[in-house]
C-alpha atoms as a PDB file:
ATOM      1  CA  MET A   1       0.082   0.099  -0.272  1.00  0.00           C
ATOM      2  CA  LYS A   2       1.403   3.453  -1.077  1.00  0.00           C
ATOM      3  CA  LYS A   3       1.836   6.370   1.686  1.00  0.00           C
ATOM      4  CA  TYR A   4       1.935  10.099   1.754  1.00  0.00           C
ATOM      5  CA  HIS A   5       5.342  11.283   2.787  1.00  0.00           C
ATOM      6  CA  VAL A   6       4.519  12.445   6.725  1.00  0.00           C
ATOM      7  CA  TYR A   7       7.465  14.863   7.759  1.00  0.00           C
ATOM      8  CA  ARG A   8       8.583  12.755  11.214  1.00  0.00           C
ATOM      9  CA  PRO A   9      11.101  15.236  12.557  1.00  0.00           C
ATOM     10  CA  SER A  10      11.278  13.984  16.150  1.00  0.00           C
ATOM     11  CA  ARG A  11      14.782  12.553  15.992  1.00  0.00           C
ATOM     12  CA  ILE A  12      16.194  15.610  14.059  1.00  0.00           C
ATOM     13  CA  LEU A  13      14.338  17.861  16.917  1.00  0.00           C
ATOM     14  CA  PHE A  14      15.614  15.956  19.736  1.00  0.00           C
ATOM     15  CA  LEU A  15      19.360  16.135  17.883  1.00  0.00           C
ATOM     16  CA  VAL A  16      18.828  19.904  17.601  1.00  0.00           C
ATOM     17  CA  LEU A  17      17.519  20.398  21.056  1.00  0.00           C
ATOM     18  CA  PHE A  18      20.420  18.334  22.464  1.00  0.00           C
ATOM     19  CA  VAL A  19      22.804  20.261  20.371  1.00  0.00           C
ATOM     20  CA  ALA A  20      21.308  23.521  21.649  1.00  0.00           C
ATOM     21  CA  LEU A  21      21.487  22.173  25.430  1.00  0.00           C
ATOM     22  CA  LEU A  22      25.140  21.149  25.084  1.00  0.00           C
ATOM     23  CA  PHE A  23      25.929  24.548  23.600  1.00  0.00           C
ATOM     24  CA  PHE A  24      24.081  26.433  26.312  1.00  0.00           C
ATOM     25  CA  ILE A  25      25.663  24.685  29.125  1.00  0.00           C
ATOM     26  CA  PHE A  26      29.549  24.911  26.860  1.00  0.00           C
ATOM     27  CA  ASN A  27      28.502  28.727  26.798  1.00  0.00           C
ATOM     28  CA  GLY A  28      27.201  29.297  30.403  1.00  0.00           C
ATOM     29  CA  VAL A  29      30.178  27.391  31.695  1.00  0.00           C
ATOM     30  CA  PHE A  30      32.696  29.436  29.218  1.00  0.00           C
ATOM     31  CA  ILE A  31      30.601  33.154  30.203  1.00  0.00           C
ATOM     32  CA  TYR A  32      31.222  32.101  33.943  1.00  0.00           C
ATOM     33  CA  LEU A  33      34.762  31.407  33.717  1.00  0.00           C
ATOM     34  CA  ILE A  34      35.730  34.093  31.956  1.00  0.00           C
ATOM     35  CA  TYR A  35      33.874  36.133  34.819  1.00  0.00           C
ATOM     36  CA  HIS A  36      35.024  34.171  37.359  1.00  0.00           C
ATOM     37  CA  ASP A  37      38.806  35.022  36.280  1.00  0.00           C
ATOM     38  CA  THR A  38      37.731  38.763  35.910  1.00  0.00           C
ATOM     39  CA  ILE A  39      36.970  38.588  39.642  1.00  0.00           C
ATOM     40  CA  VAL A  40      40.145  36.871  40.482  1.00  0.00           C
ATOM     41  CA  ASN A  41      42.475  39.260  38.101  1.00  0.00           C
ATOM     42  CA  THR A  42      40.742  42.168  40.183  1.00  0.00           C
ATOM     43  CA  ARG A  43      41.371  40.698  43.346  1.00  0.00           C
ATOM     44  CA  ILE A  44      44.932  39.992  42.279  1.00  0.00           C
ATOM     45  CA  THR A  45      45.451  43.751  40.945  1.00  0.00           C
ATOM     46  CA  ASP A  46      44.411  44.876  44.289  1.00  0.00           C
ATOM     47  CA  LEU A  47      46.626  42.467  46.377  1.00  0.00           C
ATOM     48  CA  ILE A  48      49.670  43.874  43.958  1.00  0.00           C
ATOM     49  CA  SER A  49      49.153  47.356  44.714  1.00  0.00           C
ATOM     50  CA  ARG A  50      49.089  47.024  48.491  1.00  0.00           C
ATOM     51  CA  LEU A  51      51.918  44.879  47.772  1.00  0.00           C
ATOM     52  CA  ARG A  52      53.608  47.866  45.752  1.00  0.00           C
ATOM     53  CA  ILE A  53      52.426  50.112  48.937  1.00  0.00           C
ATOM     54  CA  ASN A  54      54.346  48.256  51.414  1.00  0.00           C
ATOM     55  CA  ILE A  55      57.178  47.568  49.584  1.00  0.00           C
ATOM     56  CA  GLU A  56      57.877  51.154  49.035  1.00  0.00           C
ATOM     57  CA  LYS A  57      56.963  51.980  52.563  1.00  0.00           C
ATOM     58  CA  ALA A  58      59.129  49.052  54.116  1.00  0.00           C
ATOM     59  CA  GLY A  59      62.288  50.657  52.150  1.00  0.00           C
ATOM     60  CA  SER A  60      61.769  54.486  52.969  1.00  0.00           C
ATOM     61  CA  MET A  61      61.116  53.642  56.698  1.00  0.00           C
ATOM     62  CA  GLU A  62      64.561  51.366  57.017  1.00  0.00           C
ATOM     63  CA  LEU A  63      66.157  53.752  55.256  1.00  0.00           C
ATOM     64  CA  ARG A  64      65.000  56.593  57.537  1.00  0.00           C
ATOM     65  CA  ASN A  65      66.214  54.604  60.447  1.00  0.00           C
ATOM     66  CA  ASN A  66      62.474  53.205  61.306  1.00  0.00           C
ATOM     67  CA  ALA A  67      61.763  49.809  61.926  1.00  0.00           C
ATOM     68  CA  SER A  68      60.054  48.008  59.507  1.00  0.00           C
ATOM     69  CA  ASP A  69      58.944  45.013  60.521  1.00  0.00           C
ATOM     70  CA  ARG A  70      55.064  44.985  60.686  1.00  0.00           C
ATOM     71  CA  VAL A  71      55.280  46.296  57.324  1.00  0.00           C
ATOM     72  CA  ILE A  72      57.680  43.232  56.545  1.00  0.00           C
ATOM     73  CA  ASN A  73      55.161  40.815  57.669  1.00  0.00           C
ATOM     74  CA  GLN A  74      52.434  42.595  55.756  1.00  0.00           C
ATOM     75  CA  VAL A  75      54.386  41.921  52.623  1.00  0.00           C
ATOM     76  CA  ASP A  76      54.721  38.470  53.399  1.00  0.00           C
ATOM     77  CA  THR A  77      51.233  37.845  54.462  1.00  0.00           C
ATOM     78  CA  LEU A  78      50.445  39.549  50.784  1.00  0.00           C
ATOM     79  CA  PHE A  79      52.839  37.351  49.083  1.00  0.00           C
ATOM     80  CA  GLN A  80      51.033  33.958  50.952  1.00  0.00           C
ATOM     81  CA  ARG A  81      47.492  35.337  49.549  1.00  0.00           C
ATOM     82  CA  ILE A  82      48.397  36.163  46.216  1.00  0.00           C
ATOM     83  CA  LYS A  83      49.909  32.872  45.267  1.00  0.00           C
ATOM     84  CA  PRO A  84      46.372  30.906  45.902  1.00  0.00           C
ATOM     85  CA  THR A  85      44.718  33.917  44.413  1.00  0.00           C
ATOM     86  CA  LEU A  86      47.025  32.975  41.070  1.00  0.00           C
ATOM     87  CA  GLU A  87      45.971  29.052  41.412  1.00  0.00           C
ATOM     88  CA  ARG A  88      42.239  30.053  40.949  1.00  0.00           C
ATOM     89  CA  ILE A  89      42.625  31.243  37.699  1.00  0.00           C
ATOM     90  CA  SER A  90      40.720  29.006  35.179  1.00  0.00           C
ATOM     91  CA  PRO A  91      42.473  26.804  33.051  1.00  0.00           C
ATOM     92  CA  LEU A  92      41.229  28.501  30.065  1.00  0.00           C
ATOM     93  CA  SER A  93      42.790  32.069  31.722  1.00  0.00           C
ATOM     94  CA  GLN A  94      45.919  30.598  32.912  1.00  0.00           C
ATOM     95  CA  ASN A  95      48.835  33.105  32.255  1.00  0.00           C
ATOM     96  CA  GLU A  96      52.583  31.250  32.360  1.00  0.00           C
ATOM     97  CA  HIS A  97      54.163  34.790  31.855  1.00  0.00           C
ATOM     98  CA  LEU A  98      52.316  36.152  34.995  1.00  0.00           C
ATOM     99  CA  ILE A  99      52.976  33.551  37.122  1.00  0.00           C
ATOM    100  CA  LEU A 100      56.633  33.308  36.312  1.00  0.00           C
ATOM    101  CA  GLN A 101      56.756  37.431  36.877  1.00  0.00           C
ATOM    102  CA  PHE A 102      55.177  37.140  40.292  1.00  0.00           C
ATOM    103  CA  ASN A 103      57.240  34.150  41.313  1.00  0.00           C
ATOM    104  CA  GLU A 104      60.696  36.348  40.118  1.00  0.00           C
ATOM    105  CA  LEU A 105      58.946  39.299  42.635  1.00  0.00           C
ATOM    106  CA  ARG A 106      58.453  37.295  45.366  1.00  0.00           C
ATOM    107  CA  GLY A 107      62.375  36.032  44.716  1.00  0.00           C
ATOM    108  CA  LEU A 108      63.561  39.572  44.847  1.00  0.00           C
ATOM    109  CA  TRP A 109      61.473  40.526  47.864  1.00  0.00           C
ATOM    110  CA  ARG A 110      63.546  37.771  49.940  1.00  0.00           C
ATOM    111  CA  LYS A 111      66.764  39.393  48.468  1.00  0.00           C
ATOM    112  CA  PHE A 112      65.445  42.801  49.406  1.00  0.00           C
ATOM    113  CA  ARG A 113      63.919  41.935  52.988  1.00  0.00           C
ATOM    114  CA  THR A 114      67.545  40.875  53.631  1.00  0.00           C
ATOM    115  CA  ALA A 115      69.020  43.784  52.398  1.00  0.00           C
ATOM    116  CA  LEU A 116      66.767  45.668  54.783  1.00  0.00           C
ATOM    117  CA  LEU A 117      68.058  43.417  57.835  1.00  0.00           C
ATOM    118  CA  GLU A 118      71.400  44.342  56.890  1.00  0.00           C
ATOM    119  CA  TYR A 119      70.838  47.583  56.526  1.00  0.00           C
ATOM    120  CA  ARG A 120      69.780  47.729  59.887  1.00  0.00           C
ATOM    121  CA  ALA A 121      72.684  46.265  61.100  1.00  0.00           C
ATOM    122  CA  SER A 122      75.554  48.196  58.943  1.00  0.00           C
ATOM    123  CA  GLN A 123      74.351  51.237  57.653  1.00  0.00           C
ATOM    124  CA  THR A 124      77.036  51.658  55.000  1.00  0.00           C
ATOM    125  CA  GLU A 125      76.537  53.061  51.681  1.00  0.00           C
ATOM    126  CA  ALA A 126      76.751  50.113  49.690  1.00  0.00           C
ATOM    127  CA  HIS A 127      73.754  48.820  51.585  1.00  0.00           C
ATOM    128  CA  TYR A 128      71.807  51.918  51.094  1.00  0.00           C
ATOM    129  CA  ASN A 129      72.576  51.767  47.359  1.00  0.00           C
ATOM    130  CA  HIS A 130      71.842  48.141  47.358  1.00  0.00           C
ATOM    131  CA  ILE A 131      68.575  48.412  48.900  1.00  0.00           C
ATOM    132  CA  GLU A 132      67.438  51.692  46.175  1.00  0.00           C
ATOM    133  CA  SER A 133      68.429  49.252  43.458  1.00  0.00           C
ATOM    134  CA  LEU A 134      66.446  46.601  44.484  1.00  0.00           C
ATOM    135  CA  SER A 135      63.612  48.963  45.296  1.00  0.00           C
ATOM    136  CA  GLU A 136      63.817  50.040  41.938  1.00  0.00           C
ATOM    137  CA  SER A 137      63.832  46.380  40.139  1.00  0.00           C
ATOM    138  CA  CYS A 138      60.416  45.409  42.479  1.00  0.00           C
ATOM    139  CA  GLU A 139      59.153  48.605  41.111  1.00  0.00           C
ATOM    140  CA  ILE A 140      59.701  47.766  37.409  1.00  0.00           C
ATOM    141  CA  LEU A 141      58.303  44.052  38.255  1.00  0.00           C
ATOM    142  CA  ILE A 142      55.305  45.388  39.778  1.00  0.00           C
ATOM    143  CA  ASP A 143      54.565  47.526  36.868  1.00  0.00           C
ATOM    144  CA  ASN A 144      54.944  44.430  34.787  1.00  0.00           C
ATOM    145  CA  LEU A 145      52.774  42.768  36.745  1.00  0.00           C
ATOM    146  CA  PHE A 146      50.056  45.636  36.484  1.00  0.00           C
ATOM    147  CA  SER A 147      50.446  45.903  32.610  1.00  0.00           C
ATOM    148  CA  GLY A 148      49.810  41.920  32.553  1.00  0.00           C
ATOM    149  CA  THR A 149      47.052  41.907  34.629  1.00  0.00           C
ATOM    150  CA  GLU A 150      45.507  44.984  32.752  1.00  0.00           C
ATOM    151  CA  GLY A 151      46.141  43.624  29.486  1.00  0.00           C
ATOM    152  CA  PHE A 152      44.516  40.315  30.371  1.00  0.00           C
ATOM    153  CA  MET A 153      41.305  41.767  31.794  1.00  0.00           C
ATOM    154  CA  ASP A 154      40.876  43.895  28.671  1.00  0.00           C
ATOM    155  CA  LYS A 155      41.231  40.671  26.660  1.00  0.00           C
ATOM    156  CA  GLN A 156      38.658  39.182  28.845  1.00  0.00           C
ATOM    157  CA  GLU A 157      36.508  41.624  28.137  1.00  0.00           C
ATOM    158  CA  ARG A 158      36.651  41.299  24.196  1.00  0.00           C
ATOM    159  CA  ASN A 159      36.426  37.776  24.763  1.00  0.00           C
ATOM    160  CA  LEU A 160      32.915  38.363  26.802  1.00  0.00           C
ATOM    161  CA  LEU A 161      31.750  40.981  24.433  1.00  0.00           C
ATOM    162  CA  LYS A 162      32.718  38.247  21.242  1.00  0.00           C
ATOM    163  CA  THR A 163      31.084  34.998  23.305  1.00  0.00           C
ATOM    164  CA  MET A 164      28.013  36.759  23.996  1.00  0.00           C
ATOM    165  CA  LEU A 165      27.623  38.145  20.323  1.00  0.00           C
ATOM    166  CA  ILE A 166      28.075  34.355  19.109  1.00  0.00           C
ATOM    167  CA  PHE A 167      25.963  33.147  21.503  1.00  0.00           C
ATOM    168  CA  ILE A 168      23.387  35.373  20.291  1.00  0.00           C
ATOM    169  CA  GLY A 169      23.618  34.526  16.681  1.00  0.00           C
ATOM    170  CA  ILE A 170      23.647  30.917  17.533  1.00  0.00           C
ATOM    171  CA  ASN A 171      20.674  31.052  19.747  1.00  0.00           C
ATOM    172  CA  LEU A 172      18.966  33.023  16.653  1.00  0.00           C
ATOM    173  CA  LEU A 173      20.222  30.295  14.418  1.00  0.00           C
ATOM    174  CA  LEU A 174      18.847  27.471  16.682  1.00  0.00           C
ATOM    175  CA  ILE A 175      15.806  29.197  17.407  1.00  0.00           C
ATOM    176  CA  ALA A 176      14.907  29.719  13.454  1.00  0.00           C
ATOM    177  CA  VAL A 177      16.103  25.844  12.987  1.00  0.00           C
ATOM    178  CA  MET A 178      13.507  24.714  15.827  1.00  0.00           C
ATOM    179  CA  ALA A 179      10.632  27.082  14.815  1.00  0.00           C
ATOM    180  CA  LEU A 180      11.266  25.341  11.033  1.00  0.00           C
ATOM    181  CA  ILE A 181      11.219  22.041  12.498  1.00  0.00           C
ATOM    182  CA  VAL A 182       7.952  22.496  14.480  1.00  0.00           C
ATOM    183  CA  LYS A 183       6.461  23.965  11.663  1.00  0.00           C
ATOM    184  CA  ARG A 184       6.953  21.311   9.321  1.00  0.00           C
ATOM    185  CA  TYR A 185       5.860  19.147  12.140  1.00  0.00           C
ATOM    186  CA  ILE A 186       2.853  20.468  12.670  1.00  0.00           C
ATOM    187  CA  ARG A 187       2.209  20.289   9.005  1.00  0.00           C
ATOM    188  CA  GLY A 188       3.066  17.292   8.999  1.00  0.00           C
ATOM    189  CA  LYS A 189       1.112  16.466  11.841  1.00  0.00           C
ATOM    190  CA  LEU A 190      -2.011  18.112   9.888  1.00  0.00           C
ATOM    191  CA  GLU A 191      -1.281  16.240   6.722  1.00  0.00           C
ATOM    192  CA  HIS A 192      -1.565  12.848   8.683  1.00  0.00           C
ATOM    193  CA  MET A 193      -4.788  13.629  10.427  1.00  0.00           C
ATOM    194  CA  ALA A 194      -6.599  15.020   7.036  1.00  0.00           C
ATOM    195  CA  THR A 195      -5.110  12.248   5.334  1.00  0.00           C
ATOM    196  CA  TYR A 196      -5.049   8.860   7.395  1.00  0.00           C
ATOM    197  CA  ASP A 197      -7.744   7.605   9.178  1.00  0.00           C
ATOM    198  CA  GLN A 198      -6.802   7.027  12.843  1.00  0.00           C
ATOM    199  CA  LEU A 199      -8.252   3.815  13.754  1.00  0.00           C
ATOM    200  CA  THR A 200      -6.801   1.669  10.828  1.00  0.00           C
ATOM    201  CA  VAL A 201      -3.995   3.928   9.719  1.00  0.00           C
ATOM    202  CA  LEU A 202      -5.638   3.433   6.352  1.00  0.00           C
ATOM    203  CA  PHE A 203      -5.805   6.685   3.874  1.00  0.00           C
ATOM    204  CA  ASN A 204      -9.305   8.263   4.390  1.00  0.00           C
ATOM    205  CA  ARG A 205     -12.404   9.726   2.454  1.00  0.00           C
ATOM    206  CA  TYR A 206     -10.570  13.158   1.837  1.00  0.00           C
ATOM    207  CA  ALA A 207      -7.194  11.208   0.611  1.00  0.00           C
ATOM    208  CA  TYR A 208      -9.368   8.881  -1.700  1.00  0.00           C
ATOM    209  CA  GLY A 209     -11.061  11.551  -3.863  1.00  0.00           C
ATOM    210  CA  ASP A 210      -7.324  13.575  -3.974  1.00  0.00           C
ATOM    211  CA  ILE A 211      -5.888  10.142  -4.957  1.00  0.00           C
ATOM    212  CA  LEU A 212      -8.421   8.647  -7.209  1.00  0.00           C
ATOM    213  CA  GLY A 213      -8.722  12.096  -9.219  1.00  0.00           C
ATOM    214  CA  LYS A 214      -5.083  11.813  -9.801  1.00  0.00           C
ATOM    215  CA  GLU A 215      -5.123   8.487 -10.979  1.00  0.00           C
ATOM    216  CA  ILE A 216      -7.502   8.834 -13.208  1.00  0.00           C
ATOM    217  CA  ALA A 217      -5.697  11.884 -14.907  1.00  0.00           C
ATOM    218  CA  GLN A 218      -2.825   9.878 -15.067  1.00  0.00           C
ATOM    219  CA  ALA A 219      -4.465   6.797 -16.659  1.00  0.00           C
ATOM    220  CA  ARG A 220      -6.340   9.143 -19.475  1.00  0.00           C
ATOM    221  CA  ARG A 221      -2.417  10.296 -20.247  1.00  0.00           C
ATOM    222  CA  ASN A 222      -1.109   6.725 -20.240  1.00  0.00           C
ATOM    223  CA  THR A 223      -4.118   5.462 -21.756  1.00  0.00           C
ATOM    224  CA  SER A 224      -4.184   2.638 -19.335  1.00  0.00           C
ATOM    225  CA  GLY A 225      -6.645   0.562 -17.060  1.00  0.00           C
ATOM    226  CA  LEU A 226      -7.744   1.902 -13.960  1.00  0.00           C
ATOM    227  CA  CYS A 227     -10.116  -0.165 -11.451  1.00  0.00           C
ATOM    228  CA  LEU A 228     -12.136   0.957  -8.170  1.00  0.00           C
ATOM    229  CA  ILE A 229     -13.114  -1.711  -5.664  1.00  0.00           C
ATOM    230  CA  LEU A 230     -15.561  -1.093  -3.301  1.00  0.00           C
ATOM    231  CA  PHE A 231     -16.106  -3.731  -0.300  1.00  0.00           C
ATOM    232  CA  ASP A 232     -17.532  -3.622   3.588  1.00  0.00           C
ATOM    233  CA  ILE A 233     -17.665  -6.061   6.131  1.00  0.00           C
ATOM    234  CA  ASP A 234     -20.961  -8.399   6.080  1.00  0.00           C
ATOM    235  CA  HIS A 235     -23.577  -7.578   8.952  1.00  0.00           C
ATOM    236  CA  PHE A 236     -20.724  -5.459  10.657  1.00  0.00           C
ATOM    237  CA  LYS A 237     -23.707  -4.225  12.834  1.00  0.00           C
ATOM    238  CA  HIS A 238     -24.331  -7.440  14.117  1.00  0.00           C
ATOM    239  CA  ILE A 239     -20.830  -7.857  15.379  1.00  0.00           C
ATOM    240  CA  ASN A 240     -21.045  -4.697  17.050  1.00  0.00           C
ATOM    241  CA  ASP A 241     -24.189  -5.371  18.829  1.00  0.00           C
ATOM    242  CA  ARG A 242     -22.816  -8.870  19.788  1.00  0.00           C
ATOM    243  CA  HIS A 243     -19.279  -8.617  20.586  1.00  0.00           C
ATOM    244  CA  GLY A 244     -19.025  -4.780  21.641  1.00  0.00           C
ATOM    245  CA  HIS A 245     -17.738  -1.566  19.604  1.00  0.00           C
ATOM    246  CA  ASP A 246     -14.058  -2.676  21.220  1.00  0.00           C
ATOM    247  CA  THR A 247     -14.248  -5.829  19.157  1.00  0.00           C
ATOM    248  CA  GLY A 248     -15.727  -3.689  16.185  1.00  0.00           C
ATOM    249  CA  ASP A 249     -12.991  -1.513  15.799  1.00  0.00           C
ATOM    250  CA  GLN A 250     -10.472  -4.408  16.045  1.00  0.00           C
ATOM    251  CA  VAL A 251     -12.167  -6.169  13.400  1.00  0.00           C
ATOM    252  CA  LEU A 252     -11.998  -3.259  11.208  1.00  0.00           C
ATOM    253  CA  LYS A 253      -8.061  -3.108  12.094  1.00  0.00           C
ATOM    254  CA  PHE A 254      -7.700  -6.692  11.081  1.00  0.00           C
ATOM    255  CA  VAL A 255      -9.830  -6.398   7.865  1.00  0.00           C
ATOM    256  CA  ALA A 256      -7.306  -3.795   7.044  1.00  0.00           C
ATOM    257  CA  GLN A 257      -4.466  -5.642   7.788  1.00  0.00           C
ATOM    258  CA  THR A 258      -5.453  -8.631   6.072  1.00  0.00           C
ATOM    259  CA  VAL A 259      -6.112  -6.817   2.754  1.00  0.00           C
ATOM    260  CA  ASN A 260      -3.135  -4.662   3.149  1.00  0.00           C
ATOM    261  CA  THR A 261      -1.395  -8.619   2.656  1.00  0.00           C
ATOM    262  CA  CYS A 262      -3.303  -9.161  -0.545  1.00  0.00           C
ATOM    263  CA  ILE A 263      -3.007  -6.398  -2.885  1.00  0.00           C
ATOM    264  CA  ARG A 264       0.010  -4.853  -4.533  1.00  0.00           C
ATOM    265  CA  LYS A 265       2.479  -1.987  -3.497  1.00  0.00           C
ATOM    266  CA  SER A 266       1.396  -0.153  -6.639  1.00  0.00           C
ATOM    267  CA  ASP A 267      -2.653   0.019  -5.137  1.00  0.00           C
ATOM    268  CA  TYR A 268      -4.359   2.410  -2.702  1.00  0.00           C
ATOM    269  CA  LEU A 269      -6.500   1.079   0.135  1.00  0.00           C
ATOM    270  CA  PHE A 270      -8.850   3.380   2.067  1.00  0.00           C
ATOM    271  CA  ARG A 271     -11.220   3.303   4.594  1.00  0.00           C
ATOM    272  CA  ILE A 272     -13.881   5.480   3.272  1.00  0.00           C
ATOM    273  CA  GLY A 273     -16.417   5.285   6.026  1.00  0.00           C
ATOM    274  CA  GLY A 274     -18.026   3.093   8.679  1.00  0.00           C
ATOM    275  CA  GLU A 275     -17.178  -0.358   7.743  1.00  0.00           C
ATOM    276  CA  GLU A 276     -16.578   0.573   4.039  1.00  0.00           C
ATOM    277  CA  PHE A 277     -13.628   0.569   2.234  1.00  0.00           C
ATOM    278  CA  ALA A 278     -12.308   1.238  -1.240  1.00  0.00           C
ATOM    279  CA  ILE A 279      -9.196  -0.023  -3.459  1.00  0.00           C
ATOM    280  CA  ILE A 280      -7.841   2.141  -6.375  1.00  0.00           C
ATOM    281  CA  ALA A 281      -5.916  -0.217  -8.774  1.00  0.00           C
ATOM    282  CA  ALA A 282      -3.957   1.310 -11.333  1.00  0.00           C
ATOM    283  CA  ASN A 283      -2.934  -0.561 -14.754  1.00  0.00           C
ATOM    284  CA  THR A 284      -5.394  -2.811 -14.034  1.00  0.00           C
ATOM    285  CA  ASN A 285      -8.730  -4.242 -16.162  1.00  0.00           C
ATOM    286  CA  ALA A 286     -11.697  -5.368 -15.035  1.00  0.00           C
ATOM    287  CA  SER A 287     -10.703  -9.029 -15.067  1.00  0.00           C
ATOM    288  CA  HIS A 288      -7.984  -8.735 -13.386  1.00  0.00           C
ATOM    289  CA  ALA A 289      -9.514  -6.922 -10.540  1.00  0.00           C
ATOM    290  CA  ILE A 290     -12.186  -9.185  -9.961  1.00  0.00           C
ATOM    291  CA  MET A 291      -9.799 -11.672  -9.604  1.00  0.00           C
ATOM    292  CA  LEU A 292      -7.984  -9.378  -6.795  1.00  0.00           C
ATOM    293  CA  ALA A 293     -11.100  -8.785  -5.143  1.00  0.00           C
ATOM    294  CA  GLU A 294     -11.752 -12.897  -5.203  1.00  0.00           C
ATOM    295  CA  LYS A 295      -8.644 -13.356  -3.882  1.00  0.00           C
ATOM    296  CA  ILE A 296      -9.126 -10.923  -0.848  1.00  0.00           C
ATOM    297  CA  ARG A 297     -12.888 -12.491  -0.273  1.00  0.00           C
ATOM    298  CA  GLN A 298     -11.264 -16.182  -0.118  1.00  0.00           C
ATOM    299  CA  THR A 299      -8.697 -14.860   2.264  1.00  0.00           C
ATOM    300  CA  PHE A 300     -11.303 -13.874   4.888  1.00  0.00           C
ATOM    301  CA  MET A 301     -13.024 -17.319   4.117  1.00  0.00           C
ATOM    302  CA  THR A 302      -9.824 -19.042   5.504  1.00  0.00           C
ATOM    303  CA  LYS A 303      -8.623 -16.755   8.041  1.00  0.00           C
ATOM    304  CA  LYS A 304     -11.157 -16.101  10.899  1.00  0.00           C
ATOM    305  CA  TYR A 305     -10.616 -12.632  13.217  1.00  0.00           C
ATOM    306  CA  ARG A 306     -11.625 -15.578  16.383  1.00  0.00           C
ATOM    307  CA  GLU A 307     -13.555 -18.802  16.117  1.00  0.00           C
ATOM    308  CA  ASP A 308     -16.439 -16.764  17.852  1.00  0.00           C
ATOM    309  CA  CYS A 309     -16.354 -13.992  15.302  1.00  0.00           C
ATOM    310  CA  SER A 310     -15.929 -14.777  11.573  1.00  0.00           C
ATOM    311  CA  VAL A 311     -15.621 -12.078   9.103  1.00  0.00           C
ATOM    312  CA  THR A 312     -16.781 -11.652   5.243  1.00  0.00           C
ATOM    313  CA  LEU A 313     -16.858  -9.388   2.752  1.00  0.00           C
ATOM    314  CA  SER A 314     -18.920  -8.162  -0.175  1.00  0.00           C
ATOM    315  CA  LEU A 315     -17.150  -6.397  -2.908  1.00  0.00           C
ATOM    316  CA  GLY A 316     -18.025  -4.278  -5.950  1.00  0.00           C
ATOM    317  CA  VAL A 317     -15.748  -3.561  -8.893  1.00  0.00           C
ATOM    318  CA  ALA A 318     -15.986  -1.253 -11.751  1.00  0.00           C
ATOM    319  CA  GLU A 319     -13.175  -0.452 -14.405  1.00  0.00           C
ATOM    320  CA  LEU A 320     -12.700   3.299 -15.647  1.00  0.00           C
ATOM    321  CA  GLN A 321     -14.518   3.972 -18.428  1.00  0.00           C
ATOM    322  CA  ASP A 322     -14.223   6.980 -21.313  1.00  0.00           C
ATOM    323  CA  ASN A 323     -14.987  10.672 -20.053  1.00  0.00           C
ATOM    324  CA  GLU A 324     -15.527   8.967 -16.369  1.00  0.00           C
ATOM    325  CA  GLY A 325     -14.848  11.240 -13.651  1.00  0.00           C
ATOM    326  CA  VAL A 326     -14.214  10.176  -9.612  1.00  0.00           C
ATOM    327  CA  ASP A 327     -18.057  10.164  -8.760  1.00  0.00           C
ATOM    328  CA  ASP A 328     -19.188   8.369 -11.634  1.00  0.00           C
ATOM    329  CA  ILE A 329     -16.388   5.301 -11.105  1.00  0.00           C
ATOM    330  CA  PHE A 330     -17.768   5.544  -7.694  1.00  0.00           C
ATOM    331  CA  ARG A 331     -21.624   4.958  -8.272  1.00  0.00           C
ATOM    332  CA  ARG A 332     -20.875   2.291 -10.581  1.00  0.00           C
ATOM    333  CA  ALA A 333     -18.809   0.579  -8.329  1.00  0.00           C
ATOM    334  CA  ASP A 334     -21.155   0.990  -5.497  1.00  0.00           C
ATOM    335  CA  SER A 335     -23.675  -0.305  -7.733  1.00  0.00           C
ATOM    336  CA  ALA A 336     -21.713  -3.276  -8.027  1.00  0.00           C
ATOM    337  CA  LEU A 337     -21.092  -3.434  -4.369  1.00  0.00           C
ATOM    338  CA  TYR A 338     -25.329  -3.259  -3.413  1.00  0.00           C
ATOM    339  CA  LYS A 339     -25.920  -5.918  -5.792  1.00  0.00           C
ATOM    340  CA  ALA A 340     -23.363  -8.047  -4.194  1.00  0.00           C
ATOM    341  CA  LYS A 341     -25.111  -7.377  -0.477  1.00  0.00           C
ATOM    342  CA  THR A 342     -28.591  -7.941  -2.027  1.00  0.00           C
ATOM    343  CA  SER A 343     -27.483 -11.263  -3.881  1.00  0.00           C
ATOM    344  CA  GLY A 344     -26.589 -12.825  -0.642  1.00  0.00           C
ATOM    345  CA  ARG A 345     -23.347 -11.068   0.496  1.00  0.00           C
ATOM    346  CA  ASN A 346     -19.646 -12.485   0.650  1.00  0.00           C
ATOM    347  CA  ARG A 347     -19.300 -12.385  -3.004  1.00  0.00           C
ATOM    348  CA  VAL A 348     -17.511 -10.385  -5.762  1.00  0.00           C
ATOM    349  CA  GLN A 349     -20.048  -8.223  -8.116  1.00  0.00           C
ATOM    350  CA  ALA A 350     -18.718  -6.282 -11.093  1.00  0.00           C
ATOM    351  CA  PHE A 351     -20.536  -3.748 -12.365  1.00  0.00           C
ATOM    352  CA  ALA A 352     -22.321  -4.781 -15.703  1.00  0.00           C
END
């Protein structure tokens, strides 16, 4: 049995949503890391600023013969606080050059602290000049650290802006893709509901008129045969009354599935109302259509729905005539079906 193409984007939609979710998570983590590193760098800049002030203060105090032990301790404490703060920077923003400069500054501070204590013990001009030289070197290193952190923060701001723009662009693209998929999905659903019978999943009466019209036009172009077979279930009301409507629904499904095994792939099968069905057999003349109808009828003679509920069919066959349309061939097939039913049912009748 042929089928219309029905767009089923559930897997595609799931994949797009999954990719979107991964992107949102990745982008969220990326933005958080940039924000976190910006906060950490701000903290580092503050600590370095305080470090510079205290190093200069320690040097000036000692050179004025004032003990700077408290300030020296403060500098040592600042170095201890800066090291774990540097380690808090994420791998995304690690700056090896900044860490090397900090380690160099810490080593220089040890020399500077030793020089301060030596000057306190022996206030010679050599010690004085050594302190000034080390102080100048510390100042240069601290200026480099400031430049590095400020430049890094500027780069982080640019990365954050770039990431946000990319995030917005991809978001818009994903929204457009998802809207397109949902639109096509809804269209496919509506097409399915308008085309297929919900119980038997066969073509419905709406699709019957559309397809039969197209097949008639093609038969005219190709000068080929076309037959319409109408059939219904004998005494279907009795089945419903005796066994219930649920059984009646199952019988309709049983008939649809069984007839599907009898027809060709090129044939169309419809449920056009109640217990009435139709088959469009293209490239087929009356004799072959009658053989097909008889094959279907006999199949139900040997294949029962269940032991206490047998099913038989009455079938009417009509072949397309010159200048006939959809309604004309239907009336003749329906007339043949009516004759089959009034002649005792469970038989095939062709329109004479």
